[in-house]
Amino acid sequence: MTVLVLGDGGREHALVWALRQSPRVERLLASTENAGIGELAEVVWPTGEAGDSLVELAIREGVDLVVVGPEQPLVDGIADQLAEKGIPVFGPSRAAACLEGSKVFAKEFMLRHGIPTAACRIVSSAEEAWETVRLGLFGYPLVLKAEGLAAGKGVILAVDEAEALAAVESLMVDRTLGSAGDRLLLEECLLGREISYLVLSDGTEYLPLPVAQDHKRAFDGDEGPNTGGMGAYSTSELLDPELEASIRATIVEPSLAGARADGFPFRGVLYCGLMLTTEGPKVLEYNVRFGDPETQAILRRLESDFAELALAVAKGHLRGVVPRWSDAVSTCIVLASGGYPGPYEKGKPITGLAKAGALPGVVLFHAGTRRSADGQAILTNGGRVLGVTARGATLSEATALAYRAVEAIQFDGMQYRRDIGTPTDSRSFL
């Protein structure tokens, strides 16, 4: 079959990599590229940036399945547009994508369906936000979340009232994130261990994916500003069977049932960002697509056909599908441009990729990369540049191998965390 992947980041390279291994995929297309995607897929550019141009592209190329990587096309309704033309799509409808597109919508959904989450107040103006901050309802640190999509930068953890008031000023007055700051959530700060729990759903049935833990902050020890993710690891030891059963019963199943009850059966991958508190697991956020860099770590453990899985989800035929997952552990370390998540420079030559990629058990997933004009060099082209991913029998083995590969890679300003793969307690900073 012919498969089209939308998106050009590390997550999408991992999706392309997994699809490339399927004997069912005769032709693998990508709508955009980085230096890694371009090596595995045929890049076919749509005629424009609007959703209908992607639909036209899928029709023109005879696509049998579209796999949507990033959230923005889903929030914009690309799955609905493809479905109207009879093209199977791995990704939820516009209505279901509101679970990520609007944090207010998601919070109201959780409260309506009794899904455990942080206590909060929703505010629609700076004045209302300032008043709520001064009331001190949730103590400190206080979590402030912009309502809309903000590329992983829409959450601020304020340690005191002064920081909270300044955050309101930034988001709702200065509009540093544009319309994403139209409304805010002011939430209690949850304490505990954070995990990413993802499930595949075809609207009725669901299958859990291996659990992963993401490292969100920029610096070692979970310090510094929030990022899109500086690394992740996946191991079955993150959850015991009793706790996983609780997550499925109190969070996953009520979430999917709630979506059906509200008229938007969820079809795709539902990402539940969870905090494991002393009161039990609670939802920090939903994503309606694979996480990044969790995808890189999770898909390294898949030993069966990802194309089969994705097509079963898209067509509503998940019942009876039994994927095979390795018992091995995987670790992904993100190499980022100097200054990320703030301003950074592009166009820095990257060396050592061949040496790193030749290590047994290592796969390099490209994110912010591109080829030079003459095709001879690979250059940085984004904040998060590479996801260096390794698989091993134990967490320490996988992590050591990933860092060994990191040591072989160089580019000007390269930054990365040196404590990926270290389980840590954290605060709700999503």
Protein backbone atom coordinates (compact mmCIF):
# COMPACT_ATOMS: atom_id res chain seq x y z
CA MET A 1 0.00 0.00 0.00
CA THR A 2 0.94 3.66 -0.30
CA VAL A 3 1.31 5.57 2.99
CA LEU A 4 1.68 9.31 3.44
CA VAL A 5 3.18 10.77 6.64
CA LEU A 6 2.50 14.38 7.59
CA GLY A 7 5.11 16.29 9.61
CA ASP A 8 8.86 16.79 9.63
CA GLY A 9 10.11 16.38 13.21
CA GLY A 10 11.75 13.64 15.22
CA ARG A 11 8.42 11.99 15.92
CA GLU A 12 7.67 11.86 12.19
CA HIS A 13 11.09 10.42 11.38
CA ALA A 14 10.37 7.66 13.90
CA LEU A 15 6.98 7.01 12.28
CA VAL A 16 8.57 6.90 8.83
CA TRP A 17 11.30 4.58 10.14
CA ALA A 18 8.69 2.19 11.59
CA LEU A 19 6.55 2.22 8.44
CA ARG A 20 9.60 1.65 6.24
CA GLN A 21 10.10 -1.74 7.90
CA SER A 22 6.62 -2.98 6.98
CA PRO A 23 6.36 -5.42 4.07
CA ARG A 24 2.88 -4.01 3.42
CA VAL A 25 4.22 -0.56 2.53
CA GLU A 26 5.19 -0.50 -1.13
CA ARG A 27 5.45 3.27 -1.38
CA LEU A 28 6.19 5.61 1.52
CA LEU A 29 5.56 9.32 1.04
CA ALA A 30 6.22 12.38 3.20
CA SER A 31 4.68 15.81 2.75
CA THR A 32 7.74 17.55 4.19
CA GLU A 33 11.22 16.43 5.14
CA ASN A 34 14.22 16.66 7.36
CA ALA A 35 17.55 15.05 6.52
CA GLY A 36 16.46 11.74 8.02
CA ILE A 37 12.97 11.51 6.54
CA GLY A 38 14.38 12.32 3.11
CA GLU A 39 16.52 9.17 3.22
CA LEU A 40 13.57 6.85 3.87
CA ALA A 41 10.56 8.39 2.14
CA GLU A 42 9.70 10.00 -1.18
CA VAL A 43 8.99 13.66 -0.48
CA VAL A 44 5.93 14.89 -2.39
CA TRP A 45 5.16 18.53 -1.77
CA PRO A 46 1.54 19.67 -1.60
CA THR A 47 0.56 22.66 -3.72
CA GLY A 48 0.02 24.87 -0.69
CA GLU A 49 -0.24 24.91 3.08
CA ALA A 50 -4.03 24.65 3.42
CA GLY A 51 -5.58 21.38 4.48
CA ASP A 52 -7.36 20.85 1.16
CA SER A 53 -4.01 20.82 -0.68
CA LEU A 54 -2.92 17.86 1.44
CA VAL A 55 -6.14 16.09 0.57
CA GLU A 56 -5.52 16.76 -3.11
CA LEU A 57 -2.01 15.40 -2.70
CA ALA A 58 -3.33 12.20 -1.11
CA ILE A 59 -5.83 11.72 -3.93
CA ARG A 60 -3.27 12.47 -6.63
CA GLU A 61 -0.77 9.97 -5.25
CA GLY A 62 -3.31 7.20 -4.63
CA VAL A 63 -2.66 7.12 -0.90
CA ASP A 64 -4.16 4.20 1.06
CA LEU A 65 -3.36 5.55 4.53
CA VAL A 66 -2.38 8.94 5.93
CA VAL A 67 -0.47 9.02 9.24
CA VAL A 68 -0.64 12.46 10.87
CA GLY A 69 2.29 13.29 13.14
CA PRO A 70 1.80 16.83 14.54
CA GLU A 71 -1.18 18.27 16.36
CA GLN A 72 -1.88 21.38 14.28
CA PRO A 73 -3.28 19.60 11.18
CA LEU A 74 -5.52 17.52 13.44
CA VAL A 75 -6.82 20.59 15.26
CA ASP A 76 -7.41 22.16 11.83
CA GLY A 77 -9.54 19.18 10.78
CA ILE A 78 -7.33 17.32 8.29
CA ALA A 79 -8.71 13.95 9.45
CA ASP A 80 -12.27 15.05 8.69
CA GLN A 81 -11.28 16.29 5.24
CA LEU A 82 -9.51 13.04 4.39
CA ALA A 83 -12.36 10.91 5.74
CA GLU A 84 -14.84 12.82 3.56
CA LYS A 85 -12.86 11.60 0.52
CA GLY A 86 -12.76 8.02 1.79
CA ILE A 87 -9.05 8.08 2.65
CA PRO A 88 -8.19 6.18 5.86
CA VAL A 89 -6.38 8.43 8.32
CA PHE A 90 -4.50 7.67 11.50
CA GLY A 91 -5.55 10.61 13.64
CA PRO A 92 -8.68 11.93 15.38
CA SER A 93 -11.39 14.24 14.11
CA ARG A 94 -11.33 18.00 14.63
CA ALA A 95 -13.82 17.62 17.49
CA ALA A 96 -11.70 15.01 19.25
CA ALA A 97 -8.52 17.03 18.63
CA CYS A 98 -9.95 19.76 20.88
CA LEU A 99 -8.71 17.61 23.76
CA GLU A 100 -5.29 18.99 22.88
CA GLY A 101 -6.21 22.12 20.96
CA SER A 102 -7.90 23.71 23.97
CA LYS A 103 -6.71 23.08 27.51
CA VAL A 104 -9.95 24.62 28.74
CA PHE A 105 -12.01 22.19 26.65
CA ALA A 106 -9.91 19.30 27.96
CA LYS A 107 -10.25 20.37 31.58
CA GLU A 108 -14.00 20.78 31.29
CA PHE A 109 -14.15 17.35 29.62
CA MET A 110 -12.22 15.77 32.51
CA LEU A 111 -14.40 17.40 35.13
CA ARG A 112 -17.59 16.44 33.29
CA HIS A 113 -16.58 12.78 33.08
CA GLY A 114 -15.04 12.43 36.53
CA ILE A 115 -11.48 11.93 35.33
CA PRO A 116 -8.95 12.72 38.08
CA THR A 117 -7.00 15.91 37.43
CA ALA A 118 -5.63 18.98 39.20
CA ALA A 119 -7.99 21.49 40.81
CA CYS A 120 -8.19 24.65 38.74
CA ARG A 121 -9.90 27.88 37.84
CA ILE A 122 -10.50 29.03 34.26
CA VAL A 123 -10.06 32.76 33.61
CA SER A 124 -10.90 34.80 30.51
CA SER A 125 -9.23 38.15 31.21
CA ALA A 126 -6.08 39.50 32.79
CA GLU A 127 -8.12 41.20 35.49
CA GLU A 128 -9.85 37.95 36.41
CA ALA A 129 -6.51 36.13 36.38
CA TRP A 130 -4.83 38.70 38.63
CA GLU A 131 -7.73 38.56 41.06
CA THR A 132 -7.53 34.75 41.19
CA VAL A 133 -3.77 34.86 41.75
CA ARG A 134 -4.17 37.27 44.66
CA LEU A 135 -6.73 34.96 46.27
CA GLY A 136 -4.01 32.31 46.53
CA LEU A 137 -6.50 29.47 46.03
CA PHE A 138 -3.98 26.81 45.11
CA GLY A 139 -0.88 27.98 46.95
CA TYR A 140 2.60 27.96 45.40
CA PRO A 141 4.10 26.92 43.14
CA LEU A 142 1.14 27.74 40.89
CA VAL A 143 0.70 26.32 37.38
CA LEU A 144 -0.52 28.69 34.64
CA LYS A 145 -1.52 27.17 31.30
CA ALA A 146 -2.33 29.00 28.10
CA GLU A 147 -5.47 27.60 26.55
CA GLY A 148 -4.27 27.01 23.00
CA LEU A 149 -1.42 25.26 21.21
CA ALA A 150 1.97 26.71 22.08
CA ALA A 151 4.55 24.15 20.90
CA GLY A 152 5.18 22.93 24.44
CA LYS A 153 5.83 26.45 25.77
CA GLY A 154 2.39 27.38 27.07
CA VAL A 155 2.89 26.40 30.71
CA ILE A 156 4.50 28.49 33.42
CA LEU A 157 5.31 27.36 36.96
CA ALA A 158 5.19 30.41 39.22
CA VAL A 159 6.98 30.04 42.55
CA ASP A 160 5.31 33.05 44.15
CA GLU A 161 2.65 35.69 43.58
CA ALA A 162 5.01 38.08 41.81
CA GLU A 163 5.94 35.45 39.21
CA ALA A 164 2.29 34.48 38.73
CA LEU A 165 1.23 38.09 38.14
CA ALA A 166 4.10 38.54 35.69
CA ALA A 167 3.08 35.37 33.85
CA VAL A 168 -0.46 36.70 33.44
CA GLU A 169 0.99 39.95 32.09
CA SER A 170 3.10 38.04 29.58
CA LEU A 171 0.37 35.70 28.34
CA MET A 172 -2.76 37.84 28.45
CA VAL A 173 -1.51 41.42 28.08
CA ASP A 174 1.73 41.18 26.08
CA ARG A 175 0.27 38.21 24.14
CA THR A 176 3.64 36.48 23.88
CA LEU A 177 1.88 33.33 22.67
CA GLY A 178 -0.78 35.12 20.63
CA SER A 179 -4.31 33.73 20.78
CA ALA A 180 -3.12 30.74 22.84
CA GLY A 181 -3.36 33.11 25.82
CA ASP A 182 -6.99 34.11 25.27
CA ARG A 183 -7.91 32.10 28.34
CA LEU A 184 -5.79 30.61 31.09
CA LEU A 185 -6.01 27.71 33.48
CA LEU A 186 -4.71 28.40 36.97
CA GLU A 187 -4.04 25.04 38.58
CA GLU A 188 -2.74 23.46 41.74
CA CYS A 189 0.72 22.03 41.32
CA LEU A 190 0.66 18.24 41.45
CA LEU A 191 3.60 16.40 42.98
CA GLY A 192 4.77 12.91 42.13
CA ARG A 193 6.28 10.93 39.29
CA GLU A 194 5.34 11.91 35.75
CA ILE A 195 4.74 9.35 33.02
CA SER A 196 3.38 9.29 29.47
CA TYR A 197 0.68 6.67 28.94
CA LEU A 198 -0.43 6.24 25.33
CA VAL A 199 -3.15 4.08 23.84
CA LEU A 200 -4.27 3.33 20.31
CA SER A 201 -8.02 3.61 19.82
CA ASP A 202 -10.24 2.90 16.81
CA GLY A 203 -13.23 4.63 18.40
CA THR A 204 -14.39 1.50 20.22
CA GLU A 205 -11.47 -0.77 21.07
CA TYR A 206 -8.12 0.33 22.46
CA LEU A 207 -4.62 -1.05 22.92
CA PRO A 208 -2.09 0.35 25.41
CA LEU A 209 1.41 1.18 24.21
CA PRO A 210 4.54 0.69 26.31
CA VAL A 211 4.80 3.36 28.98
CA ALA A 212 7.44 6.07 28.73
CA GLN A 213 8.81 8.88 30.85
CA ASP A 214 9.67 12.23 29.29
CA HIS A 215 12.14 14.83 30.57
CA LYS A 216 10.53 18.20 29.89
CA ARG A 217 12.88 20.78 31.36
CA ALA A 218 15.95 22.08 29.62
CA PHE A 219 18.62 21.30 32.20
CA ASP A 220 19.83 18.47 34.40
CA GLY A 221 17.91 17.78 37.58
CA ASP A 222 14.64 18.96 35.99
CA GLU A 223 15.78 22.58 36.18
CA GLY A 224 15.31 25.42 33.73
CA PRO A 225 12.51 26.31 31.33
CA ASN A 226 9.94 23.94 29.89
CA THR A 227 10.73 22.45 26.47
CA GLY A 228 9.09 20.15 23.97
CA GLY A 229 11.09 17.34 25.60
CA MET A 230 14.82 16.76 26.10
CA GLY A 231 14.70 12.99 26.25
CA ALA A 232 12.64 9.97 27.18
CA TYR A 233 12.95 6.35 28.10
CA SER A 234 10.60 3.38 27.92
CA THR A 235 10.67 0.36 30.21
CA SER A 236 8.01 -1.92 31.66
CA GLU A 237 9.44 -1.20 35.10
CA LEU A 238 7.86 2.26 35.10
CA LEU A 239 4.50 0.73 36.07
CA ASP A 240 3.47 -2.28 38.09
CA PRO A 241 0.38 -4.21 36.92
CA GLU A 242 -1.85 -2.88 39.69
CA LEU A 243 -1.04 0.75 38.94
CA GLU A 244 -1.48 0.25 35.20
CA ALA A 245 -4.87 -1.35 35.81
CA SER A 246 -5.84 1.70 37.85
CA ILE A 247 -4.77 4.06 35.05
CA ARG A 248 -6.81 2.14 32.51
CA ALA A 249 -9.89 1.97 34.76
CA THR A 250 -9.90 5.52 36.10
CA ILE A 251 -8.41 7.49 33.19
CA VAL A 252 -8.16 5.71 29.83
CA GLU A 253 -11.53 3.98 29.71
CA PRO A 254 -13.53 6.95 31.11
CA SER A 255 -11.73 9.25 28.63
CA LEU A 256 -12.60 7.10 25.62
CA ALA A 257 -16.13 6.50 26.89
CA GLY A 258 -16.54 10.24 27.48
CA ALA A 259 -15.44 10.99 23.94
CA ARG A 260 -18.04 8.57 22.58
CA ALA A 261 -20.73 10.02 24.86
CA ASP A 262 -19.89 13.56 23.72
CA GLY A 263 -20.21 12.57 20.07
CA PHE A 264 -16.57 12.35 18.97
CA PRO A 265 -15.34 8.74 19.22
CA PHE A 266 -11.57 8.93 19.46
CA ARG A 267 -9.64 7.30 16.61
CA GLY A 268 -5.86 7.57 16.71
CA VAL A 269 -3.38 7.68 19.56
CA LEU A 270 -4.47 9.26 22.83
CA TYR A 271 -1.56 10.50 24.92
CA CYS A 272 -2.32 10.84 28.61
CA GLY A 273 0.30 12.90 30.41
CA LEU A 274 -0.03 11.69 34.00
CA MET A 275 1.25 12.57 37.43
CA LEU A 276 1.41 9.63 39.83
CA THR A 277 0.43 11.37 43.05
CA THR A 278 -0.06 9.97 46.54
CA GLU A 279 -3.80 10.17 45.81
CA GLY A 280 -3.45 8.12 42.63
CA PRO A 281 -2.79 8.93 38.96
CA LYS A 282 -4.09 12.27 37.68
CA VAL A 283 -4.19 13.75 34.18
CA LEU A 284 -1.90 16.69 33.50
CA GLU A 285 -2.83 16.95 29.84
CA TYR A 286 -4.08 15.10 26.80
CA ASN A 287 -2.31 15.00 23.47
CA VAL A 288 -4.09 13.63 20.43
CA ARG A 289 -0.97 12.31 18.69
CA PHE A 290 2.26 10.58 19.53
CA GLY A 291 4.55 12.45 21.91
CA ASP A 292 7.99 13.66 20.98
CA PRO A 293 10.46 12.24 22.04
CA GLU A 294 8.38 9.42 23.59
CA THR A 295 7.60 8.08 20.10
CA GLN A 296 11.26 7.50 19.39
CA ALA A 297 11.66 5.45 22.57
CA ILE A 298 8.38 3.54 22.23
CA LEU A 299 8.68 2.58 18.56
CA ARG A 300 12.19 1.24 19.13
CA ARG A 301 10.48 -1.49 21.18
CA LEU A 302 7.93 -2.47 18.51
CA GLU A 303 8.65 -5.82 16.87
CA SER A 304 5.51 -6.20 14.76
CA ASP A 305 4.09 -4.29 11.79
CA PHE A 306 3.32 -0.65 12.56
CA ALA A 307 1.53 -0.17 9.24
CA GLU A 308 -0.88 -2.95 10.21
CA LEU A 309 -1.54 -1.24 13.55
CA ALA A 310 -2.09 2.19 12.02
CA LEU A 311 -4.42 0.88 9.32
CA ALA A 312 -6.47 -1.08 11.87
CA VAL A 313 -6.91 2.10 13.92
CA ALA A 314 -7.86 4.14 10.85
CA LYS A 315 -10.44 1.61 9.65
CA GLY A 316 -11.91 0.77 13.05
CA HIS A 317 -10.60 -2.82 12.99
CA LEU A 318 -8.40 -2.90 16.08
CA ARG A 319 -10.19 -5.87 17.66
CA GLY A 320 -8.01 -8.95 17.36
CA VAL A 321 -4.80 -7.08 16.52
CA VAL A 322 -2.01 -8.11 18.91
CA PRO A 323 1.21 -6.11 18.49
CA ARG A 324 4.51 -7.54 19.69
CA TRP A 325 6.71 -5.44 21.94
CA SER A 326 10.27 -6.15 22.98
CA ASP A 327 11.11 -6.60 26.64
CA ALA A 328 14.17 -4.46 25.98
CA VAL A 329 14.51 -0.91 27.32
CA SER A 330 14.99 2.12 25.10
CA THR A 331 16.41 5.57 25.81
CA CYS A 332 16.23 8.68 23.61
CA ILE A 333 18.49 11.68 24.23
CA VAL A 334 17.64 14.94 22.47
CA LEU A 335 20.48 17.05 21.10
CA ALA A 336 19.35 20.66 20.89
CA SER A 337 20.65 23.90 19.42
CA GLY A 338 22.41 26.32 21.76
CA GLY A 339 19.86 28.60 23.41
CA TYR A 340 16.86 26.26 23.00
CA PRO A 341 14.03 26.67 24.05
CA GLY A 342 14.87 30.34 23.56
CA PRO A 343 16.39 31.91 20.43
CA TYR A 344 18.91 29.78 18.56
CA GLU A 345 20.88 29.82 15.34
CA LYS A 346 20.41 27.41 12.43
CA GLY A 347 22.74 26.11 9.75
CA LYS A 348 25.42 24.55 11.98
CA PRO A 349 27.22 21.58 10.35
CA ILE A 350 26.70 18.27 12.18
CA THR A 351 29.53 15.74 12.28
CA GLY A 352 29.85 12.20 13.63
CA LEU A 353 26.46 10.92 12.48
CA ALA A 354 27.84 7.92 10.63
CA LYS A 355 30.01 6.86 13.57
CA ALA A 356 27.14 7.22 16.05
CA GLY A 357 24.62 5.48 13.83
CA ALA A 358 26.94 2.53 13.27
CA LEU A 359 26.84 1.51 16.94
CA PRO A 360 24.75 -1.68 17.35
CA GLY A 361 21.35 -0.88 18.88
CA VAL A 362 21.50 2.84 18.04
CA VAL A 363 19.10 4.68 15.72
CA LEU A 364 19.40 8.42 15.05
CA PHE A 365 16.07 10.16 14.57
CA HIS A 366 16.36 13.53 12.86
CA ALA A 367 14.23 16.47 13.99
CA GLY A 368 15.57 19.92 13.13
CA THR A 369 17.98 18.99 10.35
CA ARG A 370 18.39 19.67 6.63
CA ARG A 371 20.89 18.95 3.91
CA SER A 372 23.19 21.68 2.63
CA ALA A 373 22.52 23.09 -0.84
CA ASP A 374 25.15 20.83 -2.38
CA GLY A 375 23.84 17.80 -0.47
CA GLN A 376 27.22 17.08 1.08
CA ALA A 377 26.54 18.12 4.68
CA ILE A 378 23.76 17.86 7.24
CA LEU A 379 22.97 21.11 9.05
CA THR A 380 20.94 22.09 12.09
CA ASN A 381 17.52 23.49 11.24
CA GLY A 382 15.58 23.72 14.49
CA GLY A 383 15.63 23.84 18.25
CA ARG A 384 15.59 20.11 18.82
CA VAL A 385 18.02 18.67 16.29
CA LEU A 386 18.40 14.92 16.86
CA GLY A 387 16.94 12.13 18.98
CA VAL A 388 19.77 9.69 19.73
CA THR A 389 17.96 6.46 20.57
CA ALA A 390 19.36 3.17 21.85
CA ARG A 391 17.93 -0.15 22.96
CA GLY A 392 19.39 -2.45 25.60
CA ALA A 393 18.54 -5.22 28.04
CA THR A 394 18.38 -2.78 30.97
CA LEU A 395 17.82 0.94 31.44
CA SER A 396 21.44 1.51 32.38
CA GLU A 397 22.63 -0.40 29.30
CA ALA A 398 20.34 1.46 26.89
CA THR A 399 21.20 4.82 28.41
CA ALA A 400 24.95 4.22 28.40
CA LEU A 401 24.79 3.19 24.75
CA ALA A 402 22.78 6.29 23.83
CA TYR A 403 25.31 8.56 25.56
CA ARG A 404 28.16 6.74 23.83
CA ALA A 405 26.52 7.64 20.52
CA VAL A 406 26.01 11.24 21.67
CA GLU A 407 29.74 11.55 22.32
CA ALA A 408 30.42 10.87 18.64
CA ILE A 409 28.23 13.75 17.41
CA GLN A 410 29.21 17.41 17.31
CA PHE A 411 27.79 20.72 16.16
CA ASP A 412 28.40 24.26 17.32
CA GLY A 413 26.34 25.08 20.42
CA MET A 414 25.08 21.51 20.93
CA GLN A 415 23.31 21.12 24.26
CA TYR A 416 21.72 18.12 25.93
CA ARG A 417 20.83 16.78 29.33
CA ARG A 418 23.22 14.36 30.97
CA ASP A 419 20.66 12.74 33.26
CA ILE A 420 18.19 11.23 30.78
CA GLY A 421 17.04 7.82 31.95
CA THR A 422 17.14 8.82 35.62
CA PRO A 423 13.72 8.37 37.28
CA THR A 424 12.80 11.54 39.15
CA ASP A 425 9.85 12.91 41.03
CA SER A 426 8.56 16.11 39.50
CA ARG A 427 6.01 18.91 39.66
CA SER A 428 3.14 19.33 37.22
CA PHE A 429 4.90 21.31 34.54
CA LEU A 430 3.00 20.41 31.38
